[in-house]
Amino acid sequence: MEESKGVRSSKKGSVISIELSTSEALVLFELLARINNLEKGIEFDDQAEERVLWDLEASFESLLVEILDPNYDKLLKAARNLVRDED
């Protein structure tokens, strides 16, 4: 698992790119999955907000082989430790 170097972003025309380390992506994926699976859900101002979250989660699912690893919980814990601010 690579060390978190902070999120980088760029804009070219109408396309915005956000670059994440694998650790950052795993942490964000887990958050999105929890939000998208909330039984009660969260209140969105518009369905488009929900659509964007679903699409982001689906994108991570197709990129992160780690989510299928039997040791996913350990990988997620390691990723959180790399991303978390130092005390």
C-alpha atoms as a PDB file:
ATOM      1  CA  MET A   1       0.000   0.000   0.000  1.00  0.00           C
ATOM      2  CA  GLU A   2       1.453   3.338  -0.999  1.00  0.00           C
ATOM      3  CA  GLU A   3       1.753   6.305   1.286  1.00  0.00           C
ATOM      4  CA  SER A   4      -0.813   9.064   1.043  1.00  0.00           C
ATOM      5  CA  LYS A   5       0.653  12.156  -0.584  1.00  0.00           C
ATOM      6  CA  GLY A   6      -2.480  14.267  -0.496  1.00  0.00           C
ATOM      7  CA  VAL A   7      -5.144  14.733  -3.097  1.00  0.00           C
ATOM      8  CA  ARG A   8      -4.074  16.454  -6.303  1.00  0.00           C
ATOM      9  CA  SER A   9      -6.449  17.916  -8.816  1.00  0.00           C
ATOM     10  CA  SER A  10      -6.434  19.553 -12.215  1.00  0.00           C
ATOM     11  CA  LYS A  11      -8.897  21.055 -14.654  1.00  0.00           C
ATOM     12  CA  LYS A  12      -8.749  20.870 -18.440  1.00  0.00           C
ATOM     13  CA  GLY A  13     -11.703  22.500 -20.116  1.00  0.00           C
ATOM     14  CA  SER A  14     -14.867  21.086 -18.570  1.00  0.00           C
ATOM     15  CA  VAL A  15     -13.138  17.982 -17.119  1.00  0.00           C
ATOM     16  CA  ILE A  16     -11.833  17.932 -13.557  1.00  0.00           C
ATOM     17  CA  SER A  17      -9.387  15.190 -12.590  1.00  0.00           C
ATOM     18  CA  ILE A  18      -8.693  14.187  -9.004  1.00  0.00           C
ATOM     19  CA  GLU A  19      -5.655  12.049  -8.290  1.00  0.00           C
ATOM     20  CA  LEU A  20      -5.718   9.822  -5.201  1.00  0.00           C
ATOM     21  CA  SER A  21      -3.305   7.273  -3.841  1.00  0.00           C
ATOM     22  CA  THR A  22      -4.669   3.739  -3.513  1.00  0.00           C
ATOM     23  CA  SER A  23      -4.891   4.297   0.244  1.00  0.00           C
ATOM     24  CA  GLU A  24      -6.935   7.471  -0.189  1.00  0.00           C
ATOM     25  CA  ALA A  25      -9.173   5.738  -2.724  1.00  0.00           C
ATOM     26  CA  LEU A  26      -9.825   2.804  -0.353  1.00  0.00           C
ATOM     27  CA  VAL A  27     -10.753   5.154   2.488  1.00  0.00           C
ATOM     28  CA  LEU A  28     -13.055   7.173   0.227  1.00  0.00           C
ATOM     29  CA  PHE A  29     -14.596   4.026  -1.267  1.00  0.00           C
ATOM     30  CA  GLU A  30     -15.454   2.702   2.187  1.00  0.00           C
ATOM     31  CA  LEU A  31     -17.105   6.000   3.141  1.00  0.00           C
ATOM     32  CA  LEU A  32     -19.115   6.101  -0.091  1.00  0.00           C
ATOM     33  CA  ALA A  33     -20.201   2.479   0.324  1.00  0.00           C
ATOM     34  CA  ARG A  34     -21.423   3.194   3.867  1.00  0.00           C
ATOM     35  CA  ILE A  35     -23.309   6.306   2.745  1.00  0.00           C
ATOM     36  CA  ASN A  36     -24.868   4.503  -0.226  1.00  0.00           C
ATOM     37  CA  ASN A  37     -25.897   1.553   1.953  1.00  0.00           C
ATOM     38  CA  LEU A  38     -27.482   3.509   4.792  1.00  0.00           C
ATOM     39  CA  GLU A  39     -30.881   1.989   5.449  1.00  0.00           C
ATOM     40  CA  LYS A  40     -32.397   5.356   6.256  1.00  0.00           C
ATOM     41  CA  GLY A  41     -30.185   7.144   3.766  1.00  0.00           C
ATOM     42  CA  ILE A  42     -29.198  10.767   3.895  1.00  0.00           C
ATOM     43  CA  GLU A  43     -31.265  13.656   2.686  1.00  0.00           C
ATOM     44  CA  PHE A  44     -30.139  14.878  -0.706  1.00  0.00           C
ATOM     45  CA  ASP A  45     -31.201  18.245  -2.076  1.00  0.00           C
ATOM     46  CA  ASP A  46     -31.382  16.697  -5.534  1.00  0.00           C
ATOM     47  CA  GLN A  47     -31.188  13.133  -6.929  1.00  0.00           C
ATOM     48  CA  ALA A  48     -28.160  14.232  -8.975  1.00  0.00           C
ATOM     49  CA  GLU A  49     -26.123  14.300  -5.746  1.00  0.00           C
ATOM     50  CA  GLU A  50     -27.045  10.684  -5.052  1.00  0.00           C
ATOM     51  CA  ARG A  51     -26.231   9.726  -8.666  1.00  0.00           C
ATOM     52  CA  VAL A  52     -22.725  11.228  -8.374  1.00  0.00           C
ATOM     53  CA  LEU A  53     -22.043   9.239  -5.190  1.00  0.00           C
ATOM     54  CA  TRP A  54     -23.283   6.004  -6.817  1.00  0.00           C
ATOM     55  CA  ASP A  55     -21.104   6.653  -9.865  1.00  0.00           C
ATOM     56  CA  LEU A  56     -18.025   7.372  -7.741  1.00  0.00           C
ATOM     57  CA  GLU A  57     -18.540   4.174  -5.757  1.00  0.00           C
ATOM     58  CA  ALA A  58     -18.969   2.175  -8.978  1.00  0.00           C
ATOM     59  CA  SER A  59     -15.781   3.697 -10.411  1.00  0.00           C
ATOM     60  CA  PHE A  60     -13.815   2.664  -7.345  1.00  0.00           C
ATOM     61  CA  GLU A  61     -15.310  -0.838  -7.500  1.00  0.00           C
ATOM     62  CA  SER A  62     -13.941  -1.291 -11.011  1.00  0.00           C
ATOM     63  CA  LEU A  63     -10.473   0.038 -10.094  1.00  0.00           C
ATOM     64  CA  LEU A  64      -9.735  -1.279  -6.603  1.00  0.00           C
ATOM     65  CA  VAL A  65      -8.898  -4.978  -6.641  1.00  0.00           C
ATOM     66  CA  GLU A  66      -8.294  -4.650  -2.892  1.00  0.00           C
ATOM     67  CA  ILE A  67     -12.034  -4.633  -2.160  1.00  0.00           C
ATOM     68  CA  LEU A  68     -12.207  -8.284  -3.258  1.00  0.00           C
ATOM     69  CA  ASP A  69      -9.238  -9.340  -1.140  1.00  0.00           C
ATOM     70  CA  PRO A  70     -10.126 -11.666   1.763  1.00  0.00           C
ATOM     71  CA  ASN A  71      -7.939  -9.405   3.930  1.00  0.00           C
ATOM     72  CA  TYR A  72      -9.862  -6.258   2.948  1.00  0.00           C
ATOM     73  CA  ASP A  73     -10.398  -5.191   6.575  1.00  0.00           C
ATOM     74  CA  LYS A  74      -6.643  -5.270   7.201  1.00  0.00           C
ATOM     75  CA  LEU A  75      -5.940  -3.414   3.966  1.00  0.00           C
ATOM     76  CA  LEU A  76      -8.515  -0.762   4.871  1.00  0.00           C
ATOM     77  CA  LYS A  77      -7.030  -0.362   8.345  1.00  0.00           C
ATOM     78  CA  ALA A  78      -3.556   0.062   6.842  1.00  0.00           C
ATOM     79  CA  ALA A  79      -4.905   2.592   4.328  1.00  0.00           C
ATOM     80  CA  ARG A  80      -6.608   4.601   7.082  1.00  0.00           C
ATOM     81  CA  ASN A  81      -3.356   4.636   9.054  1.00  0.00           C
ATOM     82  CA  LEU A  82      -1.486   6.013   6.038  1.00  0.00           C
ATOM     83  CA  VAL A  83      -4.070   8.709   5.320  1.00  0.00           C
ATOM     84  CA  ARG A  84      -4.880   9.755   8.883  1.00  0.00           C
ATOM     85  CA  ASP A  85      -3.307  12.944  10.239  1.00  0.00           C
ATOM     86  CA  GLU A  86      -0.481  12.387  12.681  1.00  0.00           C
ATOM     87  CA  ASP A  87      -1.249  13.283  16.278  1.00  0.00           C
END
